[in-house]
Every structure is written in structure tokens, then in C-alpha cells.
PDB file of N, CA and C in Angstrom:
ATOM      1  N   MET A   1       0.829  -1.166  -0.043  1.00  0.00           N
ATOM      2  CA  MET A   1       0.010   0.023   0.011  1.00  0.00           C
ATOM      3  C   MET A   1       0.841   1.241  -0.017  1.00  0.00           C
ATOM      4  N   THR A   2       0.466   2.253  -0.751  1.00  0.00           N
ATOM      5  CA  THR A   2       1.243   3.526  -0.905  1.00  0.00           C
ATOM      6  C   THR A   2       1.040   4.392   0.302  1.00  0.00           C
ATOM      7  N   ASN A   3       2.032   4.993   0.750  1.00  0.00           N
ATOM      8  CA  ASN A   3       1.966   5.987   1.821  1.00  0.00           C
ATOM      9  C   ASN A   3       1.447   7.334   1.208  1.00  0.00           C
ATOM     10  N   ASN A   4       0.253   7.680   1.591  1.00  0.00           N
ATOM     11  CA  ASN A   4      -0.391   8.859   1.064  1.00  0.00           C
ATOM     12  C   ASN A   4       0.194  10.236   1.514  1.00  0.00           C
ATOM     13  N   ASN A   5       1.088  10.140   2.468  1.00  0.00           N
ATOM     14  CA  ASN A   5       1.766  11.417   2.960  1.00  0.00           C
ATOM     15  C   ASN A   5       3.142  11.473   2.465  1.00  0.00           C
ATOM     16  N   SER A   6       3.472  11.130   1.240  1.00  0.00           N
ATOM     17  CA  SER A   6       4.760  11.066   0.628  1.00  0.00           C
ATOM     18  C   SER A   6       5.347  12.461   0.607  1.00  0.00           C
ATOM     19  N   PRO A   7       6.390  12.739   1.241  1.00  0.00           N
ATOM     20  CA  PRO A   7       7.011  14.089   1.167  1.00  0.00           C
ATOM     21  C   PRO A   7       7.652  14.405  -0.104  1.00  0.00           C
ATOM     22  N   THR A   8       7.974  13.442  -0.969  1.00  0.00           N
ATOM     23  CA  THR A   8       8.659  13.673  -2.179  1.00  0.00           C
ATOM     24  C   THR A   8       7.716  14.133  -3.306  1.00  0.00           C
ATOM     25  N   LEU A   9       6.414  14.056  -3.150  1.00  0.00           N
ATOM     26  CA  LEU A   9       5.454  14.371  -4.162  1.00  0.00           C
ATOM     27  C   LEU A   9       4.950  15.785  -3.953  1.00  0.00           C
ATOM     28  N   PRO A  10       4.715  16.555  -5.011  1.00  0.00           N
ATOM     29  CA  PRO A  10       4.095  17.893  -4.835  1.00  0.00           C
ATOM     30  C   PRO A  10       2.648  17.733  -4.424  1.00  0.00           C
ATOM     31  N   ALA A  11       2.197  18.554  -3.601  1.00  0.00           N
ATOM     32  CA  ALA A  11       0.764  18.508  -3.152  1.00  0.00           C
ATOM     33  C   ALA A  11       0.048  19.612  -4.047  1.00  0.00           C
ATOM     34  N   ILE A  12      -0.987  19.162  -4.764  1.00  0.00           N
ATOM     35  CA  ILE A  12      -1.785  20.002  -5.616  1.00  0.00           C
ATOM     36  C   ILE A  12      -3.126  20.339  -4.919  1.00  0.00           C
ATOM     37  N   SER A  13      -3.397  21.550  -4.699  1.00  0.00           N
ATOM     38  CA  SER A  13      -4.598  21.971  -4.033  1.00  0.00           C
ATOM     39  C   SER A  13      -5.791  21.922  -5.047  1.00  0.00           C
ATOM     40  N   VAL A  14      -6.901  21.266  -4.602  1.00  0.00           N
ATOM     41  CA  VAL A  14      -8.139  21.096  -5.380  1.00  0.00           C
ATOM     42  C   VAL A  14      -9.265  21.387  -4.515  1.00  0.00           C
ATOM     43  N   ARG A  15     -10.301  22.056  -5.125  1.00  0.00           N
ATOM     44  CA  ARG A  15     -11.513  22.368  -4.430  1.00  0.00           C
ATOM     45  C   ARG A  15     -12.582  21.428  -5.000  1.00  0.00           C
ATOM     46  N   GLY A  16     -13.387  20.769  -4.122  1.00  0.00           N
ATOM     47  CA  GLY A  16     -14.428  19.934  -4.639  1.00  0.00           C
ATOM     48  C   GLY A  16     -13.850  18.649  -5.280  1.00  0.00           C
ATOM     49  N   VAL A  17     -14.760  18.081  -6.074  1.00  0.00           N
ATOM     50  CA  VAL A  17     -14.392  16.792  -6.771  1.00  0.00           C
ATOM     51  C   VAL A  17     -13.565  17.031  -8.064  1.00  0.00           C
ATOM     52  N   ILE A  18     -12.637  16.293  -8.278  1.00  0.00           N
ATOM     53  CA  ILE A  18     -11.834  16.398  -9.572  1.00  0.00           C
ATOM     54  C   ILE A  18     -11.680  14.990 -10.173  1.00  0.00           C
ATOM     55  N   LYS A  19     -11.816  14.853 -11.425  1.00  0.00           N
ATOM     56  CA  LYS A  19     -11.691  13.592 -12.072  1.00  0.00           C
ATOM     57  C   LYS A  19     -10.140  13.321 -12.460  1.00  0.00           C
ATOM     58  N   LEU A  20      -9.816  12.093 -12.512  1.00  0.00           N
ATOM     59  CA  LEU A  20      -8.437  11.764 -12.738  1.00  0.00           C
ATOM     60  C   LEU A  20      -7.806  12.341 -13.980  1.00  0.00           C
ATOM     61  N   GLY A  21      -8.472  12.408 -15.102  1.00  0.00           N
ATOM     62  CA  GLY A  21      -7.931  13.020 -16.304  1.00  0.00           C
ATOM     63  C   GLY A  21      -7.702  14.519 -16.089  1.00  0.00           C
ATOM     64  N   GLN A  22      -8.613  15.188 -15.423  1.00  0.00           N
ATOM     65  CA  GLN A  22      -8.462  16.528 -15.156  1.00  0.00           C
ATOM     66  C   GLN A  22      -7.249  16.844 -14.224  1.00  0.00           C
ATOM     67  N   PHE A  23      -7.155  15.960 -13.187  1.00  0.00           N
ATOM     68  CA  PHE A  23      -6.046  16.194 -12.268  1.00  0.00           C
ATOM     69  C   PHE A  23      -4.681  16.005 -12.931  1.00  0.00           C
ATOM     70  N   LEU A  24      -4.617  15.048 -13.811  1.00  0.00           N
ATOM     71  CA  LEU A  24      -3.285  14.839 -14.430  1.00  0.00           C
ATOM     72  C   LEU A  24      -2.872  16.091 -15.222  1.00  0.00           C
ATOM     73  N   LYS A  25      -3.818  16.758 -15.911  1.00  0.00           N
ATOM     74  CA  LYS A  25      -3.563  18.028 -16.594  1.00  0.00           C
ATOM     75  C   LYS A  25      -3.210  19.168 -15.568  1.00  0.00           C
ATOM     76  N   LEU A  26      -3.996  19.265 -14.527  1.00  0.00           N
ATOM     77  CA  LEU A  26      -3.738  20.343 -13.517  1.00  0.00           C
ATOM     78  C   LEU A  26      -2.418  20.183 -12.861  1.00  0.00           C
ATOM     79  N   ALA A  27      -2.017  18.951 -12.553  1.00  0.00           N
ATOM     80  CA  ALA A  27      -0.716  18.706 -11.904  1.00  0.00           C
ATOM     81  C   ALA A  27       0.483  18.690 -12.904  1.00  0.00           C
ATOM     82  N   ASN A  28       0.195  19.031 -14.173  1.00  0.00           N
ATOM     83  CA  ASN A  28       1.230  19.026 -15.174  1.00  0.00           C
ATOM     84  C   ASN A  28       1.928  17.638 -15.346  1.00  0.00           C
ATOM     85  N   LEU A  29       1.198  16.619 -15.177  1.00  0.00           N
ATOM     86  CA  LEU A  29       1.801  15.250 -15.265  1.00  0.00           C
ATOM     87  C   LEU A  29       1.681  14.791 -16.733  1.00  0.00           C
ATOM     88  N   VAL A  30       0.759  15.482 -17.527  1.00  0.00           N
ATOM     89  CA  VAL A  30       0.559  15.196 -18.913  1.00  0.00           C
ATOM     90  C   VAL A  30       0.461  16.530 -19.605  1.00  0.00           C
ATOM     91  N   GLU A  31       0.618  16.460 -20.913  1.00  0.00           N
ATOM     92  CA  GLU A  31       0.514  17.763 -21.798  1.00  0.00           C
ATOM     93  C   GLU A  31      -0.936  18.125 -22.007  1.00  0.00           C
ATOM     94  N   ASP A  32      -1.775  17.119 -22.250  1.00  0.00           N
ATOM     95  CA  ASP A  32      -3.170  17.409 -22.608  1.00  0.00           C
ATOM     96  C   ASP A  32      -4.078  16.217 -22.313  1.00  0.00           C
ATOM     97  N   GLY A  33      -5.368  16.421 -22.610  1.00  0.00           N
ATOM     98  CA  GLY A  33      -6.297  15.285 -22.294  1.00  0.00           C
ATOM     99  C   GLY A  33      -6.135  14.062 -23.111  1.00  0.00           C
ATOM    100  N   ALA A  34      -5.604  14.223 -24.337  1.00  0.00           N
ATOM    101  CA  ALA A  34      -5.349  13.054 -25.204  1.00  0.00           C
ATOM    102  C   ALA A  34      -4.269  12.207 -24.573  1.00  0.00           C
ATOM    103  N   GLU A  35      -3.205  12.830 -24.090  1.00  0.00           N
ATOM    104  CA  GLU A  35      -2.146  12.081 -23.490  1.00  0.00           C
ATOM    105  C   GLU A  35      -2.616  11.437 -22.161  1.00  0.00           C
ATOM    106  N   ALA A  36      -3.416  12.142 -21.390  1.00  0.00           N
ATOM    107  CA  ALA A  36      -4.042  11.609 -20.142  1.00  0.00           C
ATOM    108  C   ALA A  36      -4.875  10.291 -20.496  1.00  0.00           C
ATOM    109  N   ARG A  37      -5.709  10.369 -21.564  1.00  0.00           N
ATOM    110  CA  ARG A  37      -6.566   9.224 -21.943  1.00  0.00           C
ATOM    111  C   ARG A  37      -5.662   8.044 -22.283  1.00  0.00           C
ATOM    112  N   ILE A  38      -4.656   8.223 -23.047  1.00  0.00           N
ATOM    113  CA  ILE A  38      -3.826   7.213 -23.498  1.00  0.00           C
ATOM    114  C   ILE A  38      -3.053   6.498 -22.350  1.00  0.00           C
ATOM    115  N   LEU A  39      -2.499   7.307 -21.478  1.00  0.00           N
ATOM    116  CA  LEU A  39      -1.821   6.743 -20.303  1.00  0.00           C
ATOM    117  C   LEU A  39      -2.738   5.985 -19.375  1.00  0.00           C
ATOM    118  N   ILE A  40      -3.890   6.579 -19.133  1.00  0.00           N
ATOM    119  CA  ILE A  40      -4.931   5.915 -18.191  1.00  0.00           C
ATOM    120  C   ILE A  40      -5.334   4.609 -18.846  1.00  0.00           C
ATOM    121  N   GLN A  41      -5.737   4.589 -20.121  1.00  0.00           N
ATOM    122  CA  GLN A  41      -6.211   3.368 -20.711  1.00  0.00           C
ATOM    123  C   GLN A  41      -5.196   2.309 -20.868  1.00  0.00           C
ATOM    124  N   SER A  42      -3.855   2.723 -20.967  1.00  0.00           N
ATOM    125  CA  SER A  42      -2.742   1.761 -21.091  1.00  0.00           C
ATOM    126  C   SER A  42      -2.333   1.182 -19.694  1.00  0.00           C
ATOM    127  N   GLY A  43      -2.943   1.667 -18.663  1.00  0.00           N
ATOM    128  CA  GLY A  43      -2.611   1.097 -17.276  1.00  0.00           C
ATOM    129  C   GLY A  43      -1.339   1.724 -16.739  1.00  0.00           C
ATOM    130  N   ASP A  44      -0.991   2.860 -17.220  1.00  0.00           N
ATOM    131  CA  ASP A  44       0.233   3.586 -16.710  1.00  0.00           C
ATOM    132  C   ASP A  44       0.010   4.591 -15.638  1.00  0.00           C
ATOM    133  N   VAL A  45      -1.217   4.615 -15.128  1.00  0.00           N
ATOM    134  CA  VAL A  45      -1.547   5.560 -14.040  1.00  0.00           C
ATOM    135  C   VAL A  45      -2.052   4.747 -12.826  1.00  0.00           C
ATOM    136  N   THR A  46      -1.540   5.079 -11.619  1.00  0.00           N
ATOM    137  CA  THR A  46      -1.975   4.493 -10.371  1.00  0.00           C
ATOM    138  C   THR A  46      -2.583   5.517  -9.348  1.00  0.00           C
ATOM    139  N   VAL A  47      -3.518   5.142  -8.623  1.00  0.00           N
ATOM    140  CA  VAL A  47      -4.112   6.001  -7.632  1.00  0.00           C
ATOM    141  C   VAL A  47      -3.972   5.203  -6.330  1.00  0.00           C
ATOM    142  N   ASN A  48      -3.204   5.728  -5.422  1.00  0.00           N
ATOM    143  CA  ASN A  48      -2.941   5.077  -4.076  1.00  0.00           C
ATOM    144  C   ASN A  48      -2.315   3.643  -4.348  1.00  0.00           C
ATOM    145  N   GLY A  49      -1.467   3.486  -5.369  1.00  0.00           N
ATOM    146  CA  GLY A  49      -0.829   2.229  -5.594  1.00  0.00           C
ATOM    147  C   GLY A  49      -1.563   1.262  -6.461  1.00  0.00           C
ATOM    148  N   GLU A  50      -2.837   1.548  -6.834  1.00  0.00           N
ATOM    149  CA  GLU A  50      -3.672   0.664  -7.690  1.00  0.00           C
ATOM    150  C   GLU A  50      -3.833   1.250  -9.077  1.00  0.00           C
ATOM    151  N   VAL A  51      -3.698   0.400 -10.095  1.00  0.00           N
ATOM    152  CA  VAL A  51      -3.859   0.859 -11.448  1.00  0.00           C
ATOM    153  C   VAL A  51      -5.327   1.366 -11.608  1.00  0.00           C
ATOM    154  N   GLU A  52      -5.421   2.491 -12.232  1.00  0.00           N
ATOM    155  CA  GLU A  52      -6.764   3.068 -12.464  1.00  0.00           C
ATOM    156  C   GLU A  52      -6.908   3.332 -13.906  1.00  0.00           C
ATOM    157  N   THR A  53      -7.918   2.710 -14.520  1.00  0.00           N
ATOM    158  CA  THR A  53      -8.107   2.783 -16.032  1.00  0.00           C
ATOM    159  C   THR A  53      -9.405   3.588 -16.312  1.00  0.00           C
ATOM    160  N   ARG A  54     -10.008   4.332 -15.419  1.00  0.00           N
ATOM    161  CA  ARG A  54     -11.239   5.106 -15.643  1.00  0.00           C
ATOM    162  C   ARG A  54     -10.819   6.563 -15.536  1.00  0.00           C
ATOM    163  N   ARG A  55     -10.837   7.291 -16.744  1.00  0.00           N
ATOM    164  CA  ARG A  55     -10.450   8.707 -16.710  1.00  0.00           C
ATOM    165  C   ARG A  55     -11.298   9.590 -15.859  1.00  0.00           C
ATOM    166  N   GLY A  56     -12.626   9.133 -15.733  1.00  0.00           N
ATOM    167  CA  GLY A  56     -13.511   9.905 -14.899  1.00  0.00           C
ATOM    168  C   GLY A  56     -13.589   9.508 -13.413  1.00  0.00           C
ATOM    169  N   SER A  57     -12.705   8.765 -13.043  1.00  0.00           N
ATOM    170  CA  SER A  57     -12.628   8.320 -11.594  1.00  0.00           C
ATOM    171  C   SER A  57     -12.406   9.552 -10.664  1.00  0.00           C
ATOM    172  N   ALA A  58     -13.328   9.716  -9.708  1.00  0.00           N
ATOM    173  CA  ALA A  58     -13.287  10.846  -8.792  1.00  0.00           C
ATOM    174  C   ALA A  58     -12.163  10.631  -7.758  1.00  0.00           C
ATOM    175  N   LEU A  59     -11.411  11.728  -7.597  1.00  0.00           N
ATOM    176  CA  LEU A  59     -10.290  11.701  -6.626  1.00  0.00           C
ATOM    177  C   LEU A  59     -10.684  12.528  -5.377  1.00  0.00           C
ATOM    178  N   LYS A  60      -9.989  12.241  -4.275  1.00  0.00           N
ATOM    179  CA  LYS A  60     -10.299  12.959  -3.069  1.00  0.00           C
ATOM    180  C   LYS A  60      -9.000  13.374  -2.389  1.00  0.00           C
ATOM    181  N   PRO A  61      -9.033  14.391  -1.474  1.00  0.00           N
ATOM    182  CA  PRO A  61      -7.801  14.777  -0.776  1.00  0.00           C
ATOM    183  C   PRO A  61      -7.078  13.623  -0.105  1.00  0.00           C
ATOM    184  N   GLY A  62      -5.780  13.650  -0.290  1.00  0.00           N
ATOM    185  CA  GLY A  62      -4.936  12.562   0.253  1.00  0.00           C
ATOM    186  C   GLY A  62      -4.575  11.534  -0.762  1.00  0.00           C
ATOM    187  N   ASP A  63      -5.319  11.485  -1.939  1.00  0.00           N
ATOM    188  CA  ASP A  63      -5.023  10.503  -2.954  1.00  0.00           C
ATOM    189  C   ASP A  63      -3.668  10.852  -3.565  1.00  0.00           C
ATOM    190  N   VAL A  64      -2.877   9.744  -3.815  1.00  0.00           N
ATOM    191  CA  VAL A  64      -1.567   9.881  -4.490  1.00  0.00           C
ATOM    192  C   VAL A  64      -1.690   9.314  -5.874  1.00  0.00           C
ATOM    193  N   VAL A  65      -1.382  10.135  -6.903  1.00  0.00           N
ATOM    194  CA  VAL A  65      -1.450   9.799  -8.300  1.00  0.00           C
ATOM    195  C   VAL A  65      -0.130   9.690  -8.843  1.00  0.00           C
ATOM    196  N   ARG A  66       0.211   8.592  -9.528  1.00  0.00           N
ATOM    197  CA  ARG A  66       1.540   8.425 -10.086  1.00  0.00           C
ATOM    198  C   ARG A  66       1.368   8.040 -11.620  1.00  0.00           C
ATOM    199  N   VAL A  67       2.276   8.477 -12.456  1.00  0.00           N
ATOM    200  CA  VAL A  67       2.269   8.225 -13.856  1.00  0.00           C
ATOM    201  C   VAL A  67       3.551   7.588 -14.271  1.00  0.00           C
ATOM    202  N   ASN A  68       3.530   6.407 -14.933  1.00  0.00           N
ATOM    203  CA  ASN A  68       4.737   5.737 -15.403  1.00  0.00           C
ATOM    204  C   ASN A  68       4.952   6.242 -16.859  1.00  0.00           C
ATOM    205  N   LEU A  69       6.087   6.950 -17.057  1.00  0.00           N
ATOM    206  CA  LEU A  69       6.424   7.457 -18.331  1.00  0.00           C
ATOM    207  C   LEU A  69       7.714   6.893 -18.746  1.00  0.00           C
ATOM    208  N   PRO A  70       8.098   6.910 -20.055  1.00  0.00           N
ATOM    209  CA  PRO A  70       9.337   6.300 -20.520  1.00  0.00           C
ATOM    210  C   PRO A  70      10.520   6.972 -19.798  1.00  0.00           C
ATOM    211  N   GLU A  71      10.388   8.187 -19.362  1.00  0.00           N
ATOM    212  CA  GLU A  71      11.545   8.855 -18.745  1.00  0.00           C
ATOM    213  C   GLU A  71      11.544   8.639 -17.146  1.00  0.00           C
ATOM    214  N   GLY A  72      10.561   7.851 -16.664  1.00  0.00           N
ATOM    215  CA  GLY A  72      10.494   7.629 -15.261  1.00  0.00           C
ATOM    216  C   GLY A  72       9.142   7.823 -14.734  1.00  0.00           C
ATOM    217  N   THR A  73       8.931   7.649 -13.429  1.00  0.00           N
ATOM    218  CA  THR A  73       7.706   7.787 -12.684  1.00  0.00           C
ATOM    219  C   THR A  73       7.598   9.242 -12.138  1.00  0.00           C
ATOM    220  N   ASN A  74       6.454   9.828 -12.351  1.00  0.00           N
ATOM    221  CA  ASN A  74       6.147  11.136 -11.771  1.00  0.00           C
ATOM    222  C   ASN A  74       4.788  11.033 -11.070  1.00  0.00           C
ATOM    223  N   GLY A  75       4.565  11.962 -10.120  1.00  0.00           N
ATOM    224  CA  GLY A  75       3.321  11.916  -9.402  1.00  0.00           C
ATOM    225  C   GLY A  75       2.997  13.185  -8.639  1.00  0.00           C
ATOM    226  N   ALA A  76       1.829  13.139  -8.043  1.00  0.00           N
ATOM    227  CA  ALA A  76       1.383  14.319  -7.232  1.00  0.00           C
ATOM    228  C   ALA A  76       0.402  13.809  -6.175  1.00  0.00           C
ATOM    229  N   GLN A  77       0.178  14.574  -5.168  1.00  0.00           N
ATOM    230  CA  GLN A  77      -0.779  14.243  -4.150  1.00  0.00           C
ATOM    231  C   GLN A  77      -1.874  15.273  -4.075  1.00  0.00           C
ATOM    232  N   ILE A  78      -3.116  14.899  -3.862  1.00  0.00           N
ATOM    233  CA  ILE A  78      -4.164  15.883  -3.875  1.00  0.00           C
ATOM    234  C   ILE A  78      -4.291  16.373  -2.424  1.00  0.00           C
ATOM    235  N   SER A  79      -4.435  17.755  -2.350  1.00  0.00           N
ATOM    236  CA  SER A  79      -4.667  18.420  -1.012  1.00  0.00           C
ATOM    237  C   SER A  79      -5.812  19.351  -1.164  1.00  0.00           C
ATOM    238  N   LEU A  80      -6.219  19.806   0.016  1.00  0.00           N
ATOM    239  CA  LEU A  80      -7.362  20.757   0.028  1.00  0.00           C
ATOM    240  C   LEU A  80      -6.949  22.141  -0.360  1.00  0.00           C
TER     241      LEU A  80
END
């Protein structure tokens, strides 16, 4: 299980509910929605250590999102 209080990941402030695809763009983990869709559908995105393949999956404060890219893994944590 992933430690949701990872000090190495940036904390991105979000108000209300945000969907996974939107969060990837907000956190600058992807260039655009098309890249987000491809990475999510390919199984290259995890939320709290679990692969998430639904672009519209709702995230909540404390969730840790990581993206596996050819140049390495990058991620961010959702905060209030």
C-alpha cells in the first residue's frame, strides 16, 4: 500500500471533486487530455498504488497519483 503522505510528491490543491484526467492536466503530469486518456487506458496511471483505467474516476484529498512514463515515474498528491 502506498503511503499517502509522501514528502517527495508535490501537493496540488483542489476544491471539490476532480476527475483523474483533469487532475493529471492540472498537476502538469501530462501535456493534454489526449495524453491523459492514452496513459490511463494503457494502465500507466495508479491512484494510491492501484492501477486506475477510468479517466472519470473521482479523486479525493490525500489520494496519491503516479504516472509511469518512458523517462520515469512522476506523481502528485491531492490536497485541500
